[in-house]
N, C-alpha and C. Protein backbone atom coordinates (compact mmCIF):
# COMPACT_ATOMS: atom_id res chain seq x y z
N ILE A 1 0.83 -1.19 0.00
CA ILE A 1 0.00 0.00 0.00
C ILE A 1 0.87 1.24 0.00
N ASP A 2 1.97 1.20 0.76
CA ASP A 2 2.84 2.37 0.82
C ASP A 2 3.40 2.73 -0.55
N ARG A 3 3.80 1.71 -1.32
CA ARG A 3 4.34 1.99 -2.66
C ARG A 3 3.27 2.56 -3.58
N PHE A 4 2.06 2.05 -3.47
CA PHE A 4 0.95 2.56 -4.26
C PHE A 4 0.69 4.03 -3.94
N LEU A 5 0.65 4.35 -2.66
CA LEU A 5 0.44 5.73 -2.25
C LEU A 5 1.60 6.63 -2.65
N ALA A 6 2.82 6.13 -2.49
CA ALA A 6 4.01 6.91 -2.87
C ALA A 6 4.00 7.22 -4.36
N ALA A 7 3.61 6.26 -5.18
CA ALA A 7 3.54 6.49 -6.63
C ALA A 7 2.51 7.57 -6.95
N SER A 8 1.39 7.54 -6.28
CA SER A 8 0.35 8.54 -6.50
C SER A 8 0.83 9.93 -6.07
N VAL A 9 1.55 10.00 -4.96
CA VAL A 9 2.08 11.28 -4.48
C VAL A 9 3.11 11.81 -5.47
N ASP A 10 3.99 10.93 -5.97
CA ASP A 10 5.01 11.33 -6.95
C ASP A 10 4.36 11.84 -8.24
N ARG A 11 3.36 11.13 -8.73
CA ARG A 11 2.67 11.54 -9.97
C ARG A 11 2.09 12.94 -9.85
N ARG A 12 1.65 13.27 -8.69
CA ARG A 12 1.01 14.57 -8.50
C ARG A 12 2.00 15.65 -8.08
N GLY A 13 3.24 15.28 -7.89
CA GLY A 13 4.27 16.25 -7.51
C GLY A 13 4.11 16.78 -6.10
N LEU A 14 3.58 15.98 -5.23
CA LEU A 14 3.36 16.40 -3.85
C LEU A 14 4.52 15.95 -2.97
N ASP A 15 4.67 16.61 -1.85
CA ASP A 15 5.68 16.22 -0.88
C ASP A 15 5.03 15.39 0.22
N VAL A 16 5.72 14.39 0.68
CA VAL A 16 5.24 13.56 1.76
C VAL A 16 5.56 14.27 3.08
N ALA A 17 4.64 14.20 4.00
CA ALA A 17 4.88 14.80 5.32
C ALA A 17 6.06 14.09 5.98
N PRO A 18 6.84 14.81 6.73
CA PRO A 18 7.98 14.16 7.40
C PRO A 18 7.47 13.20 8.47
N ARG A 19 8.32 12.25 8.81
CA ARG A 19 7.97 11.27 9.85
C ARG A 19 7.70 12.01 11.15
N ALA A 20 6.66 11.61 11.82
CA ALA A 20 6.32 12.23 13.11
C ALA A 20 7.36 11.84 14.15
N SER A 21 7.50 12.68 15.14
CA SER A 21 8.45 12.40 16.22
C SER A 21 7.97 11.20 17.03
N ASP A 22 8.89 10.59 17.76
CA ASP A 22 8.53 9.45 18.61
C ASP A 22 7.43 9.82 19.59
N SER A 23 7.54 10.99 20.21
CA SER A 23 6.53 11.38 21.20
C SER A 23 5.15 11.55 20.55
N THR A 24 5.11 12.04 19.31
CA THR A 24 3.84 12.19 18.60
C THR A 24 3.26 10.83 18.26
N LEU A 25 4.09 9.91 17.79
CA LEU A 25 3.61 8.57 17.46
C LEU A 25 3.10 7.84 18.70
N ILE A 26 3.81 8.00 19.81
CA ILE A 26 3.39 7.38 21.07
C ILE A 26 2.05 7.96 21.50
N ARG A 27 1.91 9.27 21.42
CA ARG A 27 0.66 9.92 21.82
C ARG A 27 -0.49 9.45 20.94
N ARG A 28 -0.29 9.42 19.64
CA ARG A 28 -1.34 8.98 18.71
C ARG A 28 -1.77 7.54 18.98
N ALA A 29 -0.80 6.66 19.11
CA ALA A 29 -1.12 5.24 19.33
C ALA A 29 -1.82 5.03 20.67
N THR A 30 -1.37 5.73 21.70
CA THR A 30 -1.96 5.55 23.02
C THR A 30 -3.40 6.05 23.05
N TYR A 31 -3.65 7.22 22.48
CA TYR A 31 -5.02 7.73 22.42
C TYR A 31 -5.90 6.81 21.59
N ASP A 32 -5.39 6.34 20.46
CA ASP A 32 -6.20 5.51 19.58
C ASP A 32 -6.54 4.16 20.20
N LEU A 33 -5.59 3.51 20.82
CA LEU A 33 -5.81 2.16 21.34
C LEU A 33 -6.40 2.11 22.74
N THR A 34 -6.13 3.13 23.56
CA THR A 34 -6.63 3.08 24.94
C THR A 34 -7.57 4.22 25.27
N GLY A 35 -7.57 5.28 24.47
CA GLY A 35 -8.41 6.43 24.75
C GLY A 35 -7.84 7.32 25.84
N LEU A 36 -6.65 7.04 26.30
CA LEU A 36 -6.02 7.81 27.37
C LEU A 36 -4.74 8.46 26.87
N ALA A 37 -4.33 9.50 27.56
CA ALA A 37 -3.04 10.13 27.25
C ALA A 37 -1.92 9.18 27.69
N PRO A 38 -0.79 9.25 27.02
CA PRO A 38 0.33 8.41 27.45
C PRO A 38 0.85 8.84 28.83
N ASP A 39 1.44 7.90 29.51
CA ASP A 39 2.05 8.17 30.81
C ASP A 39 3.18 9.18 30.60
N PRO A 40 3.16 10.33 31.27
CA PRO A 40 4.21 11.33 31.04
C PRO A 40 5.60 10.86 31.47
N THR A 41 5.65 9.86 32.33
CA THR A 41 6.95 9.35 32.76
C THR A 41 7.47 8.26 31.82
N LEU A 42 6.67 7.92 30.83
CA LEU A 42 7.05 6.87 29.89
C LEU A 42 8.26 7.30 29.08
N ASP A 43 9.26 6.44 29.02
CA ASP A 43 10.47 6.74 28.25
C ASP A 43 10.65 5.63 27.22
N VAL A 44 10.01 5.79 26.07
CA VAL A 44 10.07 4.78 25.02
C VAL A 44 10.84 5.37 23.85
N ARG A 45 11.77 4.61 23.34
CA ARG A 45 12.51 5.00 22.15
C ARG A 45 12.09 4.08 21.03
N LEU A 46 11.67 4.64 19.94
CA LEU A 46 11.21 3.84 18.81
C LEU A 46 12.30 3.80 17.74
N ASP A 47 13.48 3.35 18.15
CA ASP A 47 14.61 3.33 17.24
C ASP A 47 14.49 2.24 16.18
N ALA A 48 13.77 1.20 16.47
CA ALA A 48 13.64 0.08 15.53
C ALA A 48 12.18 -0.34 15.46
N ASP A 49 11.85 -1.02 14.36
CA ASP A 49 10.48 -1.51 14.21
C ASP A 49 10.08 -2.41 15.37
N GLU A 50 11.03 -3.17 15.88
CA GLU A 50 10.75 -4.07 16.99
C GLU A 50 10.33 -3.29 18.23
N ASP A 51 10.97 -2.12 18.47
CA ASP A 51 10.59 -1.28 19.60
C ASP A 51 9.14 -0.81 19.45
N TRP A 52 8.79 -0.41 18.24
CA TRP A 52 7.43 0.06 17.96
C TRP A 52 6.43 -1.07 18.19
N MET A 53 6.76 -2.27 17.70
CA MET A 53 5.86 -3.41 17.86
C MET A 53 5.68 -3.76 19.33
N LEU A 54 6.74 -3.73 20.11
CA LEU A 54 6.64 -4.02 21.54
C LEU A 54 5.78 -2.98 22.25
N PHE A 55 5.93 -1.72 21.86
CA PHE A 55 5.13 -0.66 22.48
C PHE A 55 3.65 -0.84 22.15
N VAL A 56 3.33 -1.09 20.88
CA VAL A 56 1.93 -1.29 20.49
C VAL A 56 1.37 -2.54 21.17
N ASP A 57 2.15 -3.60 21.25
CA ASP A 57 1.70 -4.81 21.96
C ASP A 57 1.38 -4.50 23.42
N SER A 58 2.16 -3.65 24.05
CA SER A 58 1.89 -3.30 25.46
C SER A 58 0.57 -2.55 25.58
N LEU A 59 0.23 -1.74 24.59
CA LEU A 59 -1.06 -1.04 24.60
C LEU A 59 -2.20 -2.03 24.39
N LEU A 60 -2.00 -2.96 23.46
CA LEU A 60 -3.03 -3.97 23.19
C LEU A 60 -3.24 -4.89 24.39
N ASP A 61 -2.21 -5.09 25.18
CA ASP A 61 -2.30 -5.97 26.35
C ASP A 61 -2.87 -5.26 27.58
N SER A 62 -3.00 -3.94 27.51
CA SER A 62 -3.52 -3.22 28.68
C SER A 62 -5.03 -3.41 28.79
N GLU A 63 -5.53 -3.43 30.02
CA GLU A 63 -6.97 -3.58 30.25
C GLU A 63 -7.75 -2.44 29.60
N GLN A 64 -7.13 -1.28 29.53
CA GLN A 64 -7.82 -0.11 28.98
C GLN A 64 -8.15 -0.29 27.50
N TYR A 65 -7.42 -1.15 26.80
CA TYR A 65 -7.75 -1.43 25.39
C TYR A 65 -9.18 -1.96 25.28
N GLY A 66 -9.52 -2.95 26.10
CA GLY A 66 -10.87 -3.52 26.07
C GLY A 66 -11.93 -2.52 26.49
N VAL A 67 -11.59 -1.65 27.43
CA VAL A 67 -12.53 -0.62 27.87
C VAL A 67 -12.82 0.32 26.71
N ARG A 68 -11.77 0.75 26.02
CA ARG A 68 -11.93 1.70 24.91
C ARG A 68 -12.76 1.10 23.77
N TRP A 69 -12.40 -0.09 23.33
CA TRP A 69 -13.06 -0.66 22.16
C TRP A 69 -14.36 -1.37 22.51
N GLY A 70 -14.47 -1.88 23.74
CA GLY A 70 -15.73 -2.46 24.17
C GLY A 70 -16.83 -1.42 24.26
N ARG A 71 -16.44 -0.19 24.56
CA ARG A 71 -17.42 0.90 24.65
C ARG A 71 -18.19 1.06 23.34
N HIS A 72 -17.50 0.91 22.23
CA HIS A 72 -18.17 1.05 20.93
C HIS A 72 -19.24 -0.03 20.76
N TRP A 73 -18.91 -1.25 21.14
CA TRP A 73 -19.88 -2.35 21.04
C TRP A 73 -21.06 -2.08 21.96
N LEU A 74 -20.77 -1.65 23.18
CA LEU A 74 -21.85 -1.39 24.14
C LEU A 74 -22.78 -0.29 23.64
N ASP A 75 -22.25 0.69 22.97
CA ASP A 75 -23.10 1.73 22.37
C ASP A 75 -24.01 1.14 21.30
N LEU A 76 -23.46 0.28 20.47
CA LEU A 76 -24.25 -0.31 19.39
C LEU A 76 -25.40 -1.17 19.90
N VAL A 77 -25.15 -1.93 20.96
CA VAL A 77 -26.18 -2.86 21.44
C VAL A 77 -27.09 -2.25 22.50
N ARG A 78 -27.00 -0.95 22.72
CA ARG A 78 -27.88 -0.20 23.61
C ARG A 78 -27.68 -0.54 25.08
N TRP A 79 -26.47 -0.82 25.48
CA TRP A 79 -26.22 -1.15 26.88
C TRP A 79 -26.54 0.05 27.76
N ALA A 80 -27.23 -0.20 28.85
CA ALA A 80 -27.53 0.85 29.82
C ALA A 80 -27.68 0.21 31.19
N GLU A 81 -27.50 1.02 32.21
CA GLU A 81 -27.64 0.52 33.58
C GLU A 81 -29.03 0.74 34.14
N THR A 82 -29.93 1.29 33.31
CA THR A 82 -31.31 1.52 33.76
C THR A 82 -32.28 1.08 32.66
N ASP A 83 -33.57 0.96 33.03
CA ASP A 83 -34.60 0.48 32.12
C ASP A 83 -35.17 1.56 31.19
N SER A 84 -35.00 2.82 31.53
CA SER A 84 -35.63 3.95 30.84
C SER A 84 -37.07 4.06 31.28
N PHE A 85 -37.91 4.68 30.51
CA PHE A 85 -39.30 4.95 30.87
C PHE A 85 -39.38 5.84 32.11
N GLU A 86 -40.56 5.91 32.68
CA GLU A 86 -40.84 6.91 33.71
C GLU A 86 -39.97 6.78 34.96
N ARG A 87 -39.91 5.61 35.52
CA ARG A 87 -39.19 5.45 36.78
C ARG A 87 -37.71 5.13 36.57
N ASP A 88 -37.37 4.72 35.40
CA ASP A 88 -35.97 4.48 35.05
C ASP A 88 -35.26 3.61 36.09
N ARG A 89 -35.84 2.46 36.37
CA ARG A 89 -35.28 1.56 37.37
C ARG A 89 -33.87 1.11 37.00
N PRO A 90 -33.02 0.94 37.99
CA PRO A 90 -31.67 0.45 37.70
C PRO A 90 -31.68 -1.03 37.33
N LYS A 91 -30.73 -1.41 36.52
CA LYS A 91 -30.47 -2.82 36.23
C LYS A 91 -29.23 -3.16 37.07
N PRO A 92 -29.41 -3.69 38.26
CA PRO A 92 -28.31 -3.80 39.20
C PRO A 92 -27.15 -4.68 38.75
N HIS A 93 -27.38 -5.58 37.83
CA HIS A 93 -26.29 -6.48 37.41
C HIS A 93 -25.85 -6.25 35.97
N ALA A 94 -26.22 -5.11 35.41
CA ALA A 94 -25.84 -4.80 34.02
C ALA A 94 -24.32 -4.74 33.86
N TRP A 95 -23.62 -4.41 34.91
CA TRP A 95 -22.17 -4.32 34.86
C TRP A 95 -21.53 -5.65 34.48
N ARG A 96 -22.20 -6.76 34.77
CA ARG A 96 -21.62 -8.08 34.45
C ARG A 96 -21.45 -8.23 32.93
N TYR A 97 -22.49 -7.83 32.19
CA TYR A 97 -22.40 -7.90 30.72
C TYR A 97 -21.33 -6.93 30.22
N ARG A 98 -21.31 -5.72 30.75
CA ARG A 98 -20.29 -4.74 30.36
C ARG A 98 -18.89 -5.31 30.57
N ASP A 99 -18.65 -5.89 31.74
CA ASP A 99 -17.34 -6.45 32.02
C ASP A 99 -17.03 -7.64 31.12
N TRP A 100 -18.06 -8.43 30.77
CA TRP A 100 -17.85 -9.56 29.86
C TRP A 100 -17.38 -9.04 28.50
N VAL A 101 -17.99 -7.98 28.00
CA VAL A 101 -17.58 -7.41 26.71
C VAL A 101 -16.13 -6.93 26.78
N ILE A 102 -15.78 -6.22 27.83
CA ILE A 102 -14.41 -5.72 27.99
C ILE A 102 -13.43 -6.89 28.04
N ASP A 103 -13.76 -7.90 28.82
CA ASP A 103 -12.88 -9.08 28.92
C ASP A 103 -12.76 -9.80 27.57
N ALA A 104 -13.86 -9.87 26.81
CA ALA A 104 -13.82 -10.52 25.50
C ALA A 104 -12.88 -9.77 24.56
N PHE A 105 -12.93 -8.45 24.57
CA PHE A 105 -12.01 -7.67 23.74
C PHE A 105 -10.57 -7.87 24.19
N ASN A 106 -10.35 -7.84 25.49
CA ASN A 106 -8.99 -8.01 26.00
C ASN A 106 -8.45 -9.41 25.77
N ALA A 107 -9.32 -10.40 25.69
CA ALA A 107 -8.89 -11.78 25.44
C ALA A 107 -8.79 -12.06 23.94
N ASP A 108 -9.11 -11.06 23.11
CA ASP A 108 -9.08 -11.21 21.66
C ASP A 108 -9.97 -12.38 21.22
N MET A 109 -11.17 -12.43 21.79
CA MET A 109 -12.13 -13.49 21.45
C MET A 109 -12.50 -13.40 19.98
N PRO A 110 -12.49 -14.50 19.26
CA PRO A 110 -12.90 -14.48 17.84
C PRO A 110 -14.34 -13.96 17.71
N TYR A 111 -14.59 -13.19 16.66
CA TYR A 111 -15.89 -12.54 16.50
C TYR A 111 -17.03 -13.55 16.46
N ASP A 112 -16.84 -14.68 15.78
CA ASP A 112 -17.95 -15.64 15.70
C ASP A 112 -18.32 -16.16 17.09
N ARG A 113 -17.33 -16.39 17.94
CA ARG A 113 -17.60 -16.84 19.31
C ARG A 113 -18.22 -15.71 20.13
N PHE A 114 -17.74 -14.49 19.92
CA PHE A 114 -18.25 -13.30 20.60
C PHE A 114 -19.75 -13.15 20.35
N VAL A 115 -20.16 -13.31 19.11
CA VAL A 115 -21.59 -13.20 18.75
C VAL A 115 -22.36 -14.41 19.28
N LEU A 116 -21.82 -15.59 19.10
CA LEU A 116 -22.50 -16.82 19.51
C LEU A 116 -22.81 -16.82 21.01
N GLU A 117 -21.85 -16.43 21.82
CA GLU A 117 -22.07 -16.43 23.26
C GLU A 117 -23.15 -15.43 23.67
N GLN A 118 -23.24 -14.32 22.96
CA GLN A 118 -24.27 -13.34 23.30
C GLN A 118 -25.66 -13.81 22.90
N LEU A 119 -25.75 -14.47 21.76
CA LEU A 119 -27.05 -14.91 21.27
C LEU A 119 -27.52 -16.21 21.90
N ALA A 120 -26.59 -17.12 22.20
CA ALA A 120 -27.00 -18.44 22.68
C ALA A 120 -26.00 -19.04 23.66
N GLY A 121 -25.35 -18.22 24.47
CA GLY A 121 -24.35 -18.72 25.41
C GLY A 121 -24.88 -19.72 26.40
N ASP A 122 -26.19 -19.63 26.70
CA ASP A 122 -26.79 -20.56 27.64
C ASP A 122 -27.13 -21.90 27.00
N GLU A 123 -27.09 -21.98 25.69
CA GLU A 123 -27.45 -23.20 24.97
C GLU A 123 -26.23 -23.97 24.46
N LEU A 124 -25.05 -23.43 24.64
CA LEU A 124 -23.84 -24.07 24.13
C LEU A 124 -23.49 -25.32 24.93
N PRO A 125 -23.02 -26.37 24.27
CA PRO A 125 -22.63 -27.57 25.02
C PRO A 125 -21.44 -27.31 25.95
N ASP A 126 -20.60 -26.36 25.60
CA ASP A 126 -19.43 -26.03 26.43
C ASP A 126 -19.66 -24.74 27.22
N ARG A 127 -20.91 -24.48 27.58
CA ARG A 127 -21.24 -23.23 28.26
C ARG A 127 -20.50 -23.11 29.59
N THR A 128 -20.24 -21.86 29.91
CA THR A 128 -19.58 -21.53 31.17
C THR A 128 -20.38 -20.40 31.82
N LEU A 129 -20.00 -20.02 33.00
CA LEU A 129 -20.65 -18.88 33.64
C LEU A 129 -20.50 -17.63 32.76
N ASP A 130 -19.32 -17.47 32.16
CA ASP A 130 -19.10 -16.31 31.29
C ASP A 130 -20.02 -16.31 30.08
N SER A 131 -20.21 -17.47 29.45
CA SER A 131 -21.10 -17.50 28.28
C SER A 131 -22.55 -17.27 28.69
N MET A 132 -22.88 -17.62 29.91
CA MET A 132 -24.23 -17.32 30.41
C MET A 132 -24.37 -15.82 30.65
N ILE A 133 -23.34 -15.19 31.18
CA ILE A 133 -23.36 -13.74 31.39
C ILE A 133 -23.48 -13.02 30.06
N ALA A 134 -22.86 -13.56 29.02
CA ALA A 134 -22.90 -12.94 27.69
C ALA A 134 -24.33 -12.80 27.17
N THR A 135 -25.20 -13.70 27.59
CA THR A 135 -26.59 -13.62 27.14
C THR A 135 -27.33 -12.45 27.79
N GLY A 136 -26.65 -11.73 28.67
CA GLY A 136 -27.20 -10.48 29.19
C GLY A 136 -27.52 -9.52 28.06
N TYR A 137 -26.97 -9.79 26.90
CA TYR A 137 -27.28 -9.02 25.68
C TYR A 137 -28.79 -8.92 25.47
N HIS A 138 -29.50 -10.00 25.78
CA HIS A 138 -30.95 -10.03 25.56
C HIS A 138 -31.72 -9.16 26.55
N ARG A 139 -31.06 -8.70 27.57
CA ARG A 139 -31.73 -7.90 28.60
C ARG A 139 -31.42 -6.41 28.44
N LEU A 140 -30.73 -6.05 27.37
CA LEU A 140 -30.37 -4.66 27.15
C LEU A 140 -31.55 -3.90 26.56
N GLY A 141 -31.42 -2.60 26.52
CA GLY A 141 -32.45 -1.79 25.87
C GLY A 141 -33.53 -1.36 26.85
N ILE A 142 -34.61 -0.85 26.28
CA ILE A 142 -35.70 -0.28 27.06
C ILE A 142 -36.65 -1.39 27.52
N TRP A 143 -37.03 -1.34 28.78
CA TRP A 143 -38.00 -2.30 29.34
C TRP A 143 -39.05 -1.50 30.09
N ASP A 144 -40.29 -1.64 29.66
CA ASP A 144 -41.42 -0.95 30.28
C ASP A 144 -41.91 -1.79 31.45
N ASP A 145 -41.86 -1.22 32.66
CA ASP A 145 -42.26 -1.99 33.83
C ASP A 145 -43.74 -1.82 34.17
N GLU A 146 -44.48 -1.00 33.44
CA GLU A 146 -45.92 -0.84 33.65
C GLU A 146 -46.64 -0.77 32.31
N PRO A 147 -46.54 -1.82 31.51
CA PRO A 147 -47.21 -1.75 30.20
C PRO A 147 -48.73 -1.83 30.36
N THR A 148 -49.43 -1.10 29.50
CA THR A 148 -50.89 -1.20 29.52
C THR A 148 -51.34 -2.47 28.82
N ASP A 149 -50.55 -2.91 27.85
CA ASP A 149 -50.85 -4.15 27.12
C ASP A 149 -49.62 -5.05 27.26
N ILE A 150 -49.70 -6.03 28.12
CA ILE A 150 -48.55 -6.87 28.45
C ILE A 150 -48.05 -7.64 27.22
N ALA A 151 -48.95 -8.21 26.45
CA ALA A 151 -48.54 -8.97 25.27
C ALA A 151 -47.83 -8.06 24.27
N LEU A 152 -48.37 -6.88 24.05
CA LEU A 152 -47.73 -5.94 23.12
C LEU A 152 -46.35 -5.54 23.63
N ALA A 153 -46.21 -5.30 24.93
CA ALA A 153 -44.92 -4.92 25.51
C ALA A 153 -43.89 -6.04 25.31
N GLN A 154 -44.32 -7.29 25.46
CA GLN A 154 -43.39 -8.40 25.24
C GLN A 154 -42.94 -8.44 23.80
N TYR A 155 -43.85 -8.22 22.86
CA TYR A 155 -43.46 -8.20 21.45
C TYR A 155 -42.58 -7.00 21.14
N ASP A 156 -42.84 -5.86 21.77
CA ASP A 156 -41.98 -4.70 21.59
C ASP A 156 -40.57 -5.01 22.06
N ASP A 157 -40.45 -5.69 23.20
CA ASP A 157 -39.12 -6.05 23.72
C ASP A 157 -38.40 -7.00 22.76
N LEU A 158 -39.11 -8.02 22.29
CA LEU A 158 -38.51 -8.97 21.36
C LEU A 158 -38.14 -8.30 20.04
N ASP A 159 -39.01 -7.39 19.58
CA ASP A 159 -38.75 -6.66 18.35
C ASP A 159 -37.50 -5.79 18.50
N GLY A 160 -37.33 -5.17 19.66
CA GLY A 160 -36.14 -4.36 19.90
C GLY A 160 -34.87 -5.19 19.87
N ILE A 161 -34.92 -6.37 20.49
CA ILE A 161 -33.75 -7.26 20.47
C ILE A 161 -33.44 -7.71 19.05
N LEU A 162 -34.47 -8.10 18.31
CA LEU A 162 -34.28 -8.57 16.94
C LEU A 162 -33.74 -7.47 16.03
N ASP A 163 -34.31 -6.28 16.13
CA ASP A 163 -33.85 -5.19 15.29
C ASP A 163 -32.41 -4.80 15.62
N THR A 164 -32.09 -4.75 16.91
CA THR A 164 -30.71 -4.44 17.30
C THR A 164 -29.75 -5.51 16.80
N THR A 165 -30.13 -6.77 16.94
CA THR A 165 -29.29 -7.87 16.47
C THR A 165 -29.04 -7.75 14.97
N CYS A 166 -30.08 -7.48 14.22
CA CYS A 166 -29.92 -7.35 12.76
C CYS A 166 -29.06 -6.15 12.40
N ARG A 167 -29.27 -5.03 13.05
CA ARG A 167 -28.49 -3.82 12.76
C ARG A 167 -27.01 -4.02 13.09
N VAL A 168 -26.74 -4.56 14.29
CA VAL A 168 -25.38 -4.64 14.78
C VAL A 168 -24.61 -5.81 14.17
N MET A 169 -25.24 -6.97 14.06
CA MET A 169 -24.52 -8.17 13.65
C MET A 169 -24.65 -8.49 12.18
N LEU A 170 -25.69 -7.98 11.55
CA LEU A 170 -25.88 -8.25 10.11
C LEU A 170 -25.76 -6.99 9.26
N GLY A 171 -25.80 -5.83 9.89
CA GLY A 171 -25.73 -4.57 9.14
C GLY A 171 -26.99 -4.30 8.34
N VAL A 172 -28.13 -4.83 8.80
CA VAL A 172 -29.40 -4.67 8.09
C VAL A 172 -30.44 -4.19 9.09
N SER A 173 -31.17 -3.14 8.73
CA SER A 173 -32.26 -2.70 9.57
C SER A 173 -33.52 -3.45 9.19
N MET A 174 -34.24 -3.90 10.19
CA MET A 174 -35.50 -4.56 9.88
C MET A 174 -36.63 -4.05 10.75
N GLY A 175 -36.40 -2.92 11.43
CA GLY A 175 -37.42 -2.35 12.28
C GLY A 175 -38.68 -1.99 11.52
N CYS A 176 -38.52 -1.50 10.30
CA CYS A 176 -39.68 -1.11 9.49
C CYS A 176 -40.51 -2.32 9.07
N ALA A 177 -39.86 -3.46 8.89
CA ALA A 177 -40.55 -4.65 8.37
C ALA A 177 -41.63 -5.14 9.33
N ARG A 178 -41.58 -4.70 10.56
CA ARG A 178 -42.61 -5.10 11.53
C ARG A 178 -43.99 -4.59 11.08
N CYS A 179 -44.02 -3.39 10.50
CA CYS A 179 -45.30 -2.76 10.17
C CYS A 179 -45.56 -2.56 8.68
N HIS A 180 -44.50 -2.36 7.92
CA HIS A 180 -44.69 -2.04 6.51
C HIS A 180 -43.44 -2.41 5.71
N ALA A 181 -43.55 -2.32 4.41
CA ALA A 181 -42.44 -2.66 3.52
C ALA A 181 -41.94 -1.40 2.83
N HIS A 182 -40.64 -1.37 2.58
CA HIS A 182 -40.03 -0.32 1.77
C HIS A 182 -39.54 -0.96 0.49
N LYS A 183 -39.62 -0.22 -0.57
CA LYS A 183 -39.10 -0.71 -1.85
C LYS A 183 -37.61 -0.99 -1.67
N LYS A 184 -37.18 -2.13 -2.12
CA LYS A 184 -35.79 -2.58 -2.11
C LYS A 184 -35.23 -2.90 -0.72
N ASP A 185 -36.07 -2.97 0.31
CA ASP A 185 -35.57 -3.44 1.61
C ASP A 185 -35.23 -4.91 1.47
N PRO A 186 -34.12 -5.34 2.09
CA PRO A 186 -33.75 -6.76 1.97
C PRO A 186 -34.70 -7.69 2.71
N ILE A 187 -35.41 -7.17 3.72
CA ILE A 187 -36.35 -7.98 4.48
C ILE A 187 -37.74 -7.36 4.30
N PRO A 188 -38.60 -7.99 3.54
CA PRO A 188 -39.93 -7.40 3.32
C PRO A 188 -40.87 -7.62 4.51
N HIS A 189 -41.94 -6.86 4.52
CA HIS A 189 -42.95 -6.96 5.57
C HIS A 189 -43.55 -8.35 5.54
């Protein structure tokens, strides 16, 4: 890729930006991978590619890596510590699912296993307490604790889980298909 980009820059007569300083590279990598500023007492010299690789590996091995990148997943799946609605009751054990996501990122869990444990961790033949906690995914989102129509509220909850699953894991919205069809939607009404 570098040669392809360099050829394009040469063709256009542009100058390449000079290499960033070690402190700038350290700051960029630390913010990107952990979301935190680098330790000001850190004394890292990036004299060789191996030094750079060791430094990046240390960031990837830090617990903060999972916190930073797990946050994005938690946003997508609507993780919250409360139910919403009028009284906004707390979900006292929601932190267990949050911590499971962070641990999964830090353990570099394969994506297929990451999804499988959330959707069916309680049904796996090799299930563990952690895979059971992963199914906390199904308890995320808005929960109405005083529905006027109980059956409708249950379907609304299931519809929310299904739509979130399709959006996050398949990249397809199907919320509209519950009530109506759109031209060219992949999932018709």
